[in-house]
């Protein structure tokens, strides 16, 4: 072995595992149209379709389903028409490899979904609450869609979400009778902590959900989440549990520059807790083999 080759070999050995091997290709999503009937003023109704990204395993028959709800546009930093960062390929790959289908519905006004994007950013409780109510209606449509699909096993349904979608997944079973087995959320919350300090919207909303939501839940956060600090997250969790909810909180060490947006992609941080949560629900299915 030449000196140059020897040096290269040492460098390769010192590189992180992910740097030495090419990252696996992202799973392929099928775009689906989810019907939604929107109620309009004076009793009028409008037929719309929500865009959805559907990931399915190469398995026959009915499979378990995760309906995963996306986050916000970051106070308008991301155009509502853009969807690339709301496909959550790492989350999808994790579940698809374990035999799950994953549906990520785009709420009204997002991507190519019909309707207007009205999830406004304002430190006003009424405005924030209206956004949650609208999101619940969109999730109604997504779950109705799943219930009609021949590949979906309605007895093995999981709700999940990121950021605003995480809070939505927590609130939904407190407001609707849903046959889900559990909830997994990533960095859940509807408004940033500095706004919540004034409105207590997140804290109160989580506590209200805890009074009637009876599904087991797994809440995932990072210590360096720029939207919600550890003390705020623990207050959300305590309020939910004290009100009667069941949720396990996992607080991970800092992730990169912002544990909020990077958490879904940091599979090595949350893999073990999620696998344990699924096993505890009786949903620890064997991996799909290619």
C-alpha atoms as a PDB file:
ATOM      1  CA  UNK A   1       0.000   0.000   0.000  1.00  0.00           C
ATOM      2  CA  UNK A   2       1.360   3.416  -0.969  1.00  0.00           C
ATOM      3  CA  UNK A   3       1.622   6.232   1.548  1.00  0.00           C
ATOM      4  CA  UNK A   4      -1.193   8.099  -0.232  1.00  0.00           C
ATOM      5  CA  UNK A   5      -3.459   5.048  -0.146  1.00  0.00           C
ATOM      6  CA  UNK A   6      -2.691   4.491   3.517  1.00  0.00           C
ATOM      7  CA  UNK A   7      -3.602   8.077   4.379  1.00  0.00           C
ATOM      8  CA  UNK A   8      -6.852   7.784   2.428  1.00  0.00           C
ATOM      9  CA  UNK A   9      -7.757   4.586   4.250  1.00  0.00           C
ATOM     10  CA  UNK A  10      -7.224   6.249   7.625  1.00  0.00           C
ATOM     11  CA  UNK A  11      -9.327   9.246   6.591  1.00  0.00           C
ATOM     12  CA  UNK A  12     -12.164   6.981   5.499  1.00  0.00           C
ATOM     13  CA  UNK A  13     -12.069   5.125   8.785  1.00  0.00           C
ATOM     14  CA  UNK A  14     -12.321   8.377  10.689  1.00  0.00           C
ATOM     15  CA  UNK A  15     -15.290   9.630   8.701  1.00  0.00           C
ATOM     16  CA  UNK A  16     -18.758   9.166  10.237  1.00  0.00           C
ATOM     17  CA  UNK A  17     -20.689   6.183   8.977  1.00  0.00           C
ATOM     18  CA  UNK A  18     -23.105   8.364   7.016  1.00  0.00           C
ATOM     19  CA  UNK A  19     -20.260  10.132   5.216  1.00  0.00           C
ATOM     20  CA  UNK A  20     -18.655   6.841   4.067  1.00  0.00           C
ATOM     21  CA  UNK A  21     -21.819   5.376   2.622  1.00  0.00           C
ATOM     22  CA  UNK A  22     -24.164   7.035   0.203  1.00  0.00           C
ATOM     23  CA  UNK A  23     -27.420   8.021   1.865  1.00  0.00           C
ATOM     24  CA  UNK A  24     -30.299   5.738   0.879  1.00  0.00           C
ATOM     25  CA  UNK A  25     -32.584   7.078  -1.786  1.00  0.00           C
ATOM     26  CA  UNK A  26     -35.673   8.786  -0.407  1.00  0.00           C
ATOM     27  CA  UNK A  27     -38.840   6.698  -0.621  1.00  0.00           C
ATOM     28  CA  UNK A  28     -41.057   7.377  -3.604  1.00  0.00           C
ATOM     29  CA  UNK A  29     -44.333   9.122  -2.848  1.00  0.00           C
ATOM     30  CA  UNK A  30     -47.492   8.791  -4.881  1.00  0.00           C
ATOM     31  CA  UNK A  31     -49.543  11.986  -5.108  1.00  0.00           C
ATOM     32  CA  UNK A  32     -53.197  11.424  -4.253  1.00  0.00           C
ATOM     33  CA  UNK A  33     -56.292  13.638  -4.279  1.00  0.00           C
ATOM     34  CA  UNK A  34     -58.260  13.696  -1.005  1.00  0.00           C
ATOM     35  CA  UNK A  35     -61.891  14.863  -1.345  1.00  0.00           C
ATOM     36  CA  UNK A  36     -63.084  17.568   1.046  1.00  0.00           C
ATOM     37  CA  UNK A  37     -66.477  19.278   1.245  1.00  0.00           C
ATOM     38  CA  UNK A  38     -65.939  22.777   2.608  1.00  0.00           C
ATOM     39  CA  UNK A  39     -68.775  24.520   4.411  1.00  0.00           C
ATOM     40  CA  UNK A  40     -69.247  28.067   3.202  1.00  0.00           C
ATOM     41  CA  UNK A  41     -71.233  31.043   4.581  1.00  0.00           C
ATOM     42  CA  UNK A  42     -75.027  30.845   4.432  1.00  0.00           C
ATOM     43  CA  UNK A  43     -74.969  27.058   4.230  1.00  0.00           C
ATOM     44  CA  UNK A  44     -73.192  26.840   0.885  1.00  0.00           C
ATOM     45  CA  UNK A  45     -70.775  23.976   0.232  1.00  0.00           C
ATOM     46  CA  UNK A  46     -67.713  23.732  -1.978  1.00  0.00           C
ATOM     47  CA  UNK A  47     -66.049  20.568  -3.260  1.00  0.00           C
ATOM     48  CA  UNK A  48     -62.261  20.666  -2.937  1.00  0.00           C
ATOM     49  CA  UNK A  49     -59.366  18.255  -3.077  1.00  0.00           C
ATOM     50  CA  UNK A  50     -56.368  18.145  -0.795  1.00  0.00           C
ATOM     51  CA  UNK A  51     -53.020  17.064  -2.160  1.00  0.00           C
ATOM     52  CA  UNK A  52     -51.543  14.104  -0.302  1.00  0.00           C
ATOM     53  CA  UNK A  53     -48.226  12.307  -0.445  1.00  0.00           C
ATOM     54  CA  UNK A  54     -48.646   8.575  -0.015  1.00  0.00           C
ATOM     55  CA  UNK A  55     -45.787   6.202   0.746  1.00  0.00           C
ATOM     56  CA  UNK A  56     -46.600   2.490   0.619  1.00  0.00           C
ATOM     57  CA  UNK A  57     -44.563  -0.623   1.393  1.00  0.00           C
ATOM     58  CA  UNK A  58     -44.125  -3.392  -1.190  1.00  0.00           C
ATOM     59  CA  UNK A  59     -46.481  -5.646   0.742  1.00  0.00           C
ATOM     60  CA  UNK A  60     -49.778  -7.228  -0.325  1.00  0.00           C
ATOM     61  CA  UNK A  61     -53.045  -6.822   1.510  1.00  0.00           C
ATOM     62  CA  UNK A  62     -53.980  -4.270   4.125  1.00  0.00           C
ATOM     63  CA  UNK A  63     -51.163  -2.526   5.961  1.00  0.00           C
ATOM     64  CA  UNK A  64     -50.989  -0.250   9.018  1.00  0.00           C
ATOM     65  CA  UNK A  65     -51.211   3.468   8.284  1.00  0.00           C
ATOM     66  CA  UNK A  66     -49.574   6.573   9.742  1.00  0.00           C
ATOM     67  CA  UNK A  67     -51.354   9.827   8.892  1.00  0.00           C
ATOM     68  CA  UNK A  68     -48.636  12.431   9.394  1.00  0.00           C
ATOM     69  CA  UNK A  69     -49.555  16.127   9.569  1.00  0.00           C
ATOM     70  CA  UNK A  70     -47.179  18.777   8.298  1.00  0.00           C
ATOM     71  CA  UNK A  71     -45.874  21.925   9.949  1.00  0.00           C
ATOM     72  CA  UNK A  72     -46.333  25.597   9.126  1.00  0.00           C
ATOM     73  CA  UNK A  73     -44.742  27.869   6.544  1.00  0.00           C
ATOM     74  CA  UNK A  74     -42.515  29.358   9.251  1.00  0.00           C
ATOM     75  CA  UNK A  75     -44.448  32.627   9.518  1.00  0.00           C
ATOM     76  CA  UNK A  76     -44.416  32.905   5.741  1.00  0.00           C
ATOM     77  CA  UNK A  77     -40.731  32.168   5.184  1.00  0.00           C
ATOM     78  CA  UNK A  78     -41.750  29.244   2.956  1.00  0.00           C
ATOM     79  CA  UNK A  79     -44.296  29.756   0.201  1.00  0.00           C
ATOM     80  CA  UNK A  80     -47.513  27.802   0.844  1.00  0.00           C
ATOM     81  CA  UNK A  81     -47.193  26.358  -2.669  1.00  0.00           C
ATOM     82  CA  UNK A  82     -43.883  24.624  -1.871  1.00  0.00           C
ATOM     83  CA  UNK A  83     -44.021  21.121  -0.411  1.00  0.00           C
ATOM     84  CA  UNK A  84     -40.507  19.662  -0.636  1.00  0.00           C
ATOM     85  CA  UNK A  85     -39.709  20.087   3.060  1.00  0.00           C
ATOM     86  CA  UNK A  86     -43.109  18.739   4.118  1.00  0.00           C
ATOM     87  CA  UNK A  87     -42.654  15.253   2.661  1.00  0.00           C
ATOM     88  CA  UNK A  88     -40.604  14.063   5.663  1.00  0.00           C
ATOM     89  CA  UNK A  89     -38.715  11.309   3.783  1.00  0.00           C
ATOM     90  CA  UNK A  90     -36.839  10.055   6.861  1.00  0.00           C
ATOM     91  CA  UNK A  91     -40.062   9.543   8.817  1.00  0.00           C
ATOM     92  CA  UNK A  92     -41.661   7.899   5.788  1.00  0.00           C
ATOM     93  CA  UNK A  93     -38.702   5.568   5.218  1.00  0.00           C
ATOM     94  CA  UNK A  94     -38.648   4.506   8.877  1.00  0.00           C
ATOM     95  CA  UNK A  95     -42.301   3.441   8.779  1.00  0.00           C
ATOM     96  CA  UNK A  96     -42.340   2.025   5.233  1.00  0.00           C
ATOM     97  CA  UNK A  97     -39.382  -0.215   6.097  1.00  0.00           C
ATOM     98  CA  UNK A  98     -41.498  -1.603   8.933  1.00  0.00           C
ATOM     99  CA  UNK A  99     -44.447  -2.365   6.702  1.00  0.00           C
ATOM    100  CA  UNK A 100     -46.466   0.841   7.153  1.00  0.00           C
ATOM    101  CA  UNK A 101     -48.127   3.141   4.664  1.00  0.00           C
ATOM    102  CA  UNK A 102     -47.627   6.853   5.372  1.00  0.00           C
ATOM    103  CA  UNK A 103     -50.042   9.534   4.202  1.00  0.00           C
ATOM    104  CA  UNK A 104     -49.038  13.205   4.478  1.00  0.00           C
ATOM    105  CA  UNK A 105     -52.037  15.394   3.578  1.00  0.00           C
ATOM    106  CA  UNK A 106     -51.478  19.010   2.616  1.00  0.00           C
ATOM    107  CA  UNK A 107     -54.026  21.212   4.364  1.00  0.00           C
ATOM    108  CA  UNK A 108     -56.095  23.766   2.452  1.00  0.00           C
ATOM    109  CA  UNK A 109     -54.048  26.298   0.542  1.00  0.00           C
ATOM    110  CA  UNK A 110     -50.835  24.264   0.826  1.00  0.00           C
ATOM    111  CA  UNK A 111     -49.144  22.765  -2.208  1.00  0.00           C
ATOM    112  CA  UNK A 112     -51.843  22.157  -4.802  1.00  0.00           C
ATOM    113  CA  UNK A 113     -54.610  21.673  -2.227  1.00  0.00           C
ATOM    114  CA  UNK A 114     -57.764  23.635  -2.949  1.00  0.00           C
ATOM    115  CA  UNK A 115     -59.057  26.410  -0.752  1.00  0.00           C
ATOM    116  CA  UNK A 116     -57.279  29.252   0.960  1.00  0.00           C
ATOM    117  CA  UNK A 117     -54.342  29.068   3.348  1.00  0.00           C
ATOM    118  CA  UNK A 118     -55.794  30.643   6.486  1.00  0.00           C
ATOM    119  CA  UNK A 119     -53.520  29.358   9.272  1.00  0.00           C
ATOM    120  CA  UNK A 120     -52.514  32.867  10.230  1.00  0.00           C
ATOM    121  CA  UNK A 121     -49.580  33.933  12.395  1.00  0.00           C
ATOM    122  CA  UNK A 122     -50.794  36.199  15.154  1.00  0.00           C
ATOM    123  CA  UNK A 123     -50.496  36.318  18.932  1.00  0.00           C
ATOM    124  CA  UNK A 124     -54.264  36.289  19.217  1.00  0.00           C
ATOM    125  CA  UNK A 125     -56.000  33.282  20.738  1.00  0.00           C
ATOM    126  CA  UNK A 126     -59.086  33.533  18.519  1.00  0.00           C
ATOM    127  CA  UNK A 127     -57.016  33.633  15.330  1.00  0.00           C
ATOM    128  CA  UNK A 128     -54.833  30.722  16.447  1.00  0.00           C
ATOM    129  CA  UNK A 129     -57.862  28.667  17.502  1.00  0.00           C
ATOM    130  CA  UNK A 130     -59.541  29.248  14.129  1.00  0.00           C
ATOM    131  CA  UNK A 131     -56.480  27.807  12.410  1.00  0.00           C
ATOM    132  CA  UNK A 132     -56.641  24.658  14.541  1.00  0.00           C
ATOM    133  CA  UNK A 133     -60.359  24.226  13.822  1.00  0.00           C
ATOM    134  CA  UNK A 134     -59.715  24.486  10.106  1.00  0.00           C
ATOM    135  CA  UNK A 135     -56.892  21.949  10.348  1.00  0.00           C
ATOM    136  CA  UNK A 136     -59.182  19.507  12.186  1.00  0.00           C
ATOM    137  CA  UNK A 137     -61.599  19.650   9.250  1.00  0.00           C
ATOM    138  CA  UNK A 138     -58.761  18.861   6.851  1.00  0.00           C
ATOM    139  CA  UNK A 139     -57.706  15.896   8.959  1.00  0.00           C
ATOM    140  CA  UNK A 140     -61.339  14.723   8.933  1.00  0.00           C
ATOM    141  CA  UNK A 141     -61.075  14.508   5.141  1.00  0.00           C
ATOM    142  CA  UNK A 142     -57.715  12.701   5.227  1.00  0.00           C
ATOM    143  CA  UNK A 143     -59.013  10.041   7.617  1.00  0.00           C
ATOM    144  CA  UNK A 144     -62.205   9.604   5.601  1.00  0.00           C
ATOM    145  CA  UNK A 145     -59.999   9.014   2.548  1.00  0.00           C
ATOM    146  CA  UNK A 146     -57.934   6.396   4.378  1.00  0.00           C
ATOM    147  CA  UNK A 147     -61.092   4.589   5.497  1.00  0.00           C
ATOM    148  CA  UNK A 148     -62.024   3.921   1.844  1.00  0.00           C
ATOM    149  CA  UNK A 149     -58.659   2.547   0.713  1.00  0.00           C
ATOM    150  CA  UNK A 150     -58.318  -1.218   0.109  1.00  0.00           C
ATOM    151  CA  UNK A 151     -54.665  -1.165   1.218  1.00  0.00           C
ATOM    152  CA  UNK A 152     -55.374   0.435   4.624  1.00  0.00           C
ATOM    153  CA  UNK A 153     -55.913  -1.588   7.784  1.00  0.00           C
ATOM    154  CA  UNK A 154     -58.343   0.497   9.885  1.00  0.00           C
ATOM    155  CA  UNK A 155     -57.420  -1.455  13.032  1.00  0.00           C
ATOM    156  CA  UNK A 156     -53.793  -0.323  12.801  1.00  0.00           C
ATOM    157  CA  UNK A 157     -53.945   3.454  12.480  1.00  0.00           C
ATOM    158  CA  UNK A 158     -51.506   5.932  13.980  1.00  0.00           C
ATOM    159  CA  UNK A 159     -51.689   9.728  14.035  1.00  0.00           C
ATOM    160  CA  UNK A 160     -48.562  11.826  13.879  1.00  0.00           C
ATOM    161  CA  UNK A 161     -47.258  15.210  12.924  1.00  0.00           C
ATOM    162  CA  UNK A 162     -44.556  17.829  13.022  1.00  0.00           C
ATOM    163  CA  UNK A 163     -44.795  21.253  14.706  1.00  0.00           C
ATOM    164  CA  UNK A 164     -48.337  22.529  14.012  1.00  0.00           C
ATOM    165  CA  UNK A 165     -49.130  19.079  12.700  1.00  0.00           C
ATOM    166  CA  UNK A 166     -47.917  17.636  15.986  1.00  0.00           C
ATOM    167  CA  UNK A 167     -50.315  19.738  18.030  1.00  0.00           C
ATOM    168  CA  UNK A 168     -53.069  18.834  15.574  1.00  0.00           C
ATOM    169  CA  UNK A 169     -52.396  15.118  16.119  1.00  0.00           C
ATOM    170  CA  UNK A 170     -52.673  15.607  19.893  1.00  0.00           C
ATOM    171  CA  UNK A 171     -55.858  17.687  19.747  1.00  0.00           C
ATOM    172  CA  UNK A 172     -57.689  15.621  17.144  1.00  0.00           C
ATOM    173  CA  UNK A 173     -58.541  12.572  19.314  1.00  0.00           C
ATOM    174  CA  UNK A 174     -59.843  14.927  22.004  1.00  0.00           C
ATOM    175  CA  UNK A 175     -62.336  16.358  19.513  1.00  0.00           C
ATOM    176  CA  UNK A 176     -63.209  13.393  17.313  1.00  0.00           C
ATOM    177  CA  UNK A 177     -63.985   9.720  17.855  1.00  0.00           C
ATOM    178  CA  UNK A 178     -61.069   8.179  15.964  1.00  0.00           C
ATOM    179  CA  UNK A 179     -60.072   4.514  15.892  1.00  0.00           C
ATOM    180  CA  UNK A 180     -56.359   5.253  16.084  1.00  0.00           C
ATOM    181  CA  UNK A 181     -54.064   3.220  18.303  1.00  0.00           C
ATOM    182  CA  UNK A 182     -51.782   6.074  19.333  1.00  0.00           C
ATOM    183  CA  UNK A 183     -50.095   9.373  18.484  1.00  0.00           C
ATOM    184  CA  UNK A 184     -46.438  10.242  17.724  1.00  0.00           C
ATOM    185  CA  UNK A 185     -45.535  13.927  17.522  1.00  0.00           C
ATOM    186  CA  UNK A 186     -42.357  15.751  16.557  1.00  0.00           C
ATOM    187  CA  UNK A 187     -41.811  19.210  18.108  1.00  0.00           C
ATOM    188  CA  UNK A 188     -45.536  19.782  18.519  1.00  0.00           C
ATOM    189  CA  UNK A 189     -46.939  23.288  18.992  1.00  0.00           C
ATOM    190  CA  UNK A 190     -49.017  25.852  17.120  1.00  0.00           C
ATOM    191  CA  UNK A 191     -47.323  29.137  17.991  1.00  0.00           C
ATOM    192  CA  UNK A 192     -43.778  30.001  19.036  1.00  0.00           C
ATOM    193  CA  UNK A 193     -42.874  30.306  22.699  1.00  0.00           C
ATOM    194  CA  UNK A 194     -42.532  34.107  22.728  1.00  0.00           C
ATOM    195  CA  UNK A 195     -46.125  34.332  21.509  1.00  0.00           C
ATOM    196  CA  UNK A 196     -47.240  31.592  23.868  1.00  0.00           C
ATOM    197  CA  UNK A 197     -45.808  33.549  26.785  1.00  0.00           C
ATOM    198  CA  UNK A 198     -48.508  36.150  26.039  1.00  0.00           C
ATOM    199  CA  UNK A 199     -51.394  33.927  24.965  1.00  0.00           C
ATOM    200  CA  UNK A 200     -50.650  30.563  26.646  1.00  0.00           C
ATOM    201  CA  UNK A 201     -52.279  29.085  23.556  1.00  0.00           C
ATOM    202  CA  UNK A 202     -50.109  25.969  23.309  1.00  0.00           C
ATOM    203  CA  UNK A 203     -50.200  25.304  27.029  1.00  0.00           C
ATOM    204  CA  UNK A 204     -53.966  25.699  27.345  1.00  0.00           C
ATOM    205  CA  UNK A 205     -54.690  23.775  24.139  1.00  0.00           C
ATOM    206  CA  UNK A 206     -52.592  20.812  25.242  1.00  0.00           C
ATOM    207  CA  UNK A 207     -54.209  20.830  28.701  1.00  0.00           C
ATOM    208  CA  UNK A 208     -57.707  20.947  27.198  1.00  0.00           C
ATOM    209  CA  UNK A 209     -56.824  18.022  24.932  1.00  0.00           C
ATOM    210  CA  UNK A 210     -55.618  16.041  27.935  1.00  0.00           C
ATOM    211  CA  UNK A 211     -59.089  16.115  29.476  1.00  0.00           C
ATOM    212  CA  UNK A 212     -60.647  13.960  26.772  1.00  0.00           C
ATOM    213  CA  UNK A 213     -57.900  12.460  24.584  1.00  0.00           C
ATOM    214  CA  UNK A 214     -57.407   8.872  25.696  1.00  0.00           C
ATOM    215  CA  UNK A 215     -54.907   7.594  23.152  1.00  0.00           C
ATOM    216  CA  UNK A 216     -51.359   6.787  24.295  1.00  0.00           C
ATOM    217  CA  UNK A 217     -48.904   9.307  22.916  1.00  0.00           C
ATOM    218  CA  UNK A 218     -45.179   9.788  22.361  1.00  0.00           C
ATOM    219  CA  UNK A 219     -43.959  13.394  22.298  1.00  0.00           C
ATOM    220  CA  UNK A 220     -40.522  14.004  20.742  1.00  0.00           C
ATOM    221  CA  UNK A 221     -38.562  17.260  21.199  1.00  0.00           C
ATOM    222  CA  UNK A 222     -34.973  18.497  21.178  1.00  0.00           C
ATOM    223  CA  UNK A 223     -33.318  20.690  23.795  1.00  0.00           C
ATOM    224  CA  UNK A 224     -32.357  23.289  21.177  1.00  0.00           C
ATOM    225  CA  UNK A 225     -35.764  23.658  19.562  1.00  0.00           C
ATOM    226  CA  UNK A 226     -35.870  27.330  18.536  1.00  0.00           C
ATOM    227  CA  UNK A 227     -39.647  27.461  18.788  1.00  0.00           C
ATOM    228  CA  UNK A 228     -40.178  25.786  22.162  1.00  0.00           C
ATOM    229  CA  UNK A 229     -37.562  25.646  24.904  1.00  0.00           C
ATOM    230  CA  UNK A 230     -37.300  22.690  27.314  1.00  0.00           C
ATOM    231  CA  UNK A 231     -39.135  24.477  30.150  1.00  0.00           C
ATOM    232  CA  UNK A 232     -42.072  25.338  27.887  1.00  0.00           C
ATOM    233  CA  UNK A 233     -42.221  21.808  26.493  1.00  0.00           C
ATOM    234  CA  UNK A 234     -42.264  20.309  29.979  1.00  0.00           C
ATOM    235  CA  UNK A 235     -45.083  22.693  30.944  1.00  0.00           C
ATOM    236  CA  UNK A 236     -47.093  21.576  27.892  1.00  0.00           C
ATOM    237  CA  UNK A 237     -46.544  17.940  28.788  1.00  0.00           C
ATOM    238  CA  UNK A 238     -47.332  18.383  32.476  1.00  0.00           C
ATOM    239  CA  UNK A 239     -50.538  20.240  31.672  1.00  0.00           C
ATOM    240  CA  UNK A 240     -51.637  17.493  29.300  1.00  0.00           C
ATOM    241  CA  UNK A 241     -50.883  14.679  31.756  1.00  0.00           C
ATOM    242  CA  UNK A 242     -52.359  16.433  34.785  1.00  0.00           C
ATOM    243  CA  UNK A 243     -55.585  16.932  32.838  1.00  0.00           C
ATOM    244  CA  UNK A 244     -55.806  13.178  32.274  1.00  0.00           C
ATOM    245  CA  UNK A 245     -53.847  12.544  29.075  1.00  0.00           C
ATOM    246  CA  UNK A 246     -51.281   9.783  28.588  1.00  0.00           C
ATOM    247  CA  UNK A 247     -48.036  10.857  26.937  1.00  0.00           C
ATOM    248  CA  UNK A 248     -44.373   9.945  27.205  1.00  0.00           C
ATOM    249  CA  UNK A 249     -42.037  12.900  26.672  1.00  0.00           C
ATOM    250  CA  UNK A 250     -38.633  12.324  25.070  1.00  0.00           C
ATOM    251  CA  UNK A 251     -36.295  15.329  25.181  1.00  0.00           C
ATOM    252  CA  UNK A 252     -33.209  14.763  23.017  1.00  0.00           C
ATOM    253  CA  UNK A 253     -29.842  16.562  23.227  1.00  0.00           C
ATOM    254  CA  UNK A 254     -29.292  19.481  20.835  1.00  0.00           C
ATOM    255  CA  UNK A 255     -29.563  18.645  17.130  1.00  0.00           C
ATOM    256  CA  UNK A 256     -27.526  20.795  14.775  1.00  0.00           C
ATOM    257  CA  UNK A 257     -28.389  24.488  14.556  1.00  0.00           C
ATOM    258  CA  UNK A 258     -32.099  24.007  15.327  1.00  0.00           C
ATOM    259  CA  UNK A 259     -33.613  20.925  16.902  1.00  0.00           C
ATOM    260  CA  UNK A 260     -37.047  22.008  15.707  1.00  0.00           C
ATOM    261  CA  UNK A 261     -36.698  21.715  11.949  1.00  0.00           C
ATOM    262  CA  UNK A 262     -33.995  19.009  12.082  1.00  0.00           C
ATOM    263  CA  UNK A 263     -35.712  16.584  14.473  1.00  0.00           C
ATOM    264  CA  UNK A 264     -37.731  14.545  11.923  1.00  0.00           C
ATOM    265  CA  UNK A 265     -34.574  13.791   9.961  1.00  0.00           C
ATOM    266  CA  UNK A 266     -32.528  12.732  13.002  1.00  0.00           C
ATOM    267  CA  UNK A 267     -33.726   9.124  12.963  1.00  0.00           C
ATOM    268  CA  UNK A 268     -30.874   7.851  15.125  1.00  0.00           C
ATOM    269  CA  UNK A 269     -32.171  10.040  17.972  1.00  0.00           C
ATOM    270  CA  UNK A 270     -35.797   8.885  17.923  1.00  0.00           C
ATOM    271  CA  UNK A 271     -35.583   5.392  16.399  1.00  0.00           C
ATOM    272  CA  UNK A 272     -35.429   3.494  19.689  1.00  0.00           C
ATOM    273  CA  UNK A 273     -38.232   5.391  21.497  1.00  0.00           C
ATOM    274  CA  UNK A 274     -40.524   5.074  18.484  1.00  0.00           C
ATOM    275  CA  UNK A 275     -39.792   1.375  18.055  1.00  0.00           C
ATOM    276  CA  UNK A 276     -40.531   0.858  21.743  1.00  0.00           C
ATOM    277  CA  UNK A 277     -43.747   2.845  21.491  1.00  0.00           C
ATOM    278  CA  UNK A 278     -44.958   0.792  18.518  1.00  0.00           C
ATOM    279  CA  UNK A 279     -44.084  -2.452  20.281  1.00  0.00           C
ATOM    280  CA  UNK A 280     -46.016  -1.314  23.348  1.00  0.00           C
ATOM    281  CA  UNK A 281     -49.073  -0.765  21.149  1.00  0.00           C
ATOM    282  CA  UNK A 282     -48.731  -4.225  19.645  1.00  0.00           C
ATOM    283  CA  UNK A 283     -47.699  -2.661  16.346  1.00  0.00           C
ATOM    284  CA  UNK A 284     -44.086  -3.775  16.202  1.00  0.00           C
ATOM    285  CA  UNK A 285     -44.449  -5.374  12.800  1.00  0.00           C
ATOM    286  CA  UNK A 286     -41.515  -7.092  11.051  1.00  0.00           C
ATOM    287  CA  UNK A 287     -39.510  -5.012   8.638  1.00  0.00           C
ATOM    288  CA  UNK A 288     -40.311  -5.158   4.945  1.00  0.00           C
ATOM    289  CA  UNK A 289     -37.624  -7.010   3.004  1.00  0.00           C
ATOM    290  CA  UNK A 290     -36.853  -5.975  -0.544  1.00  0.00           C
END
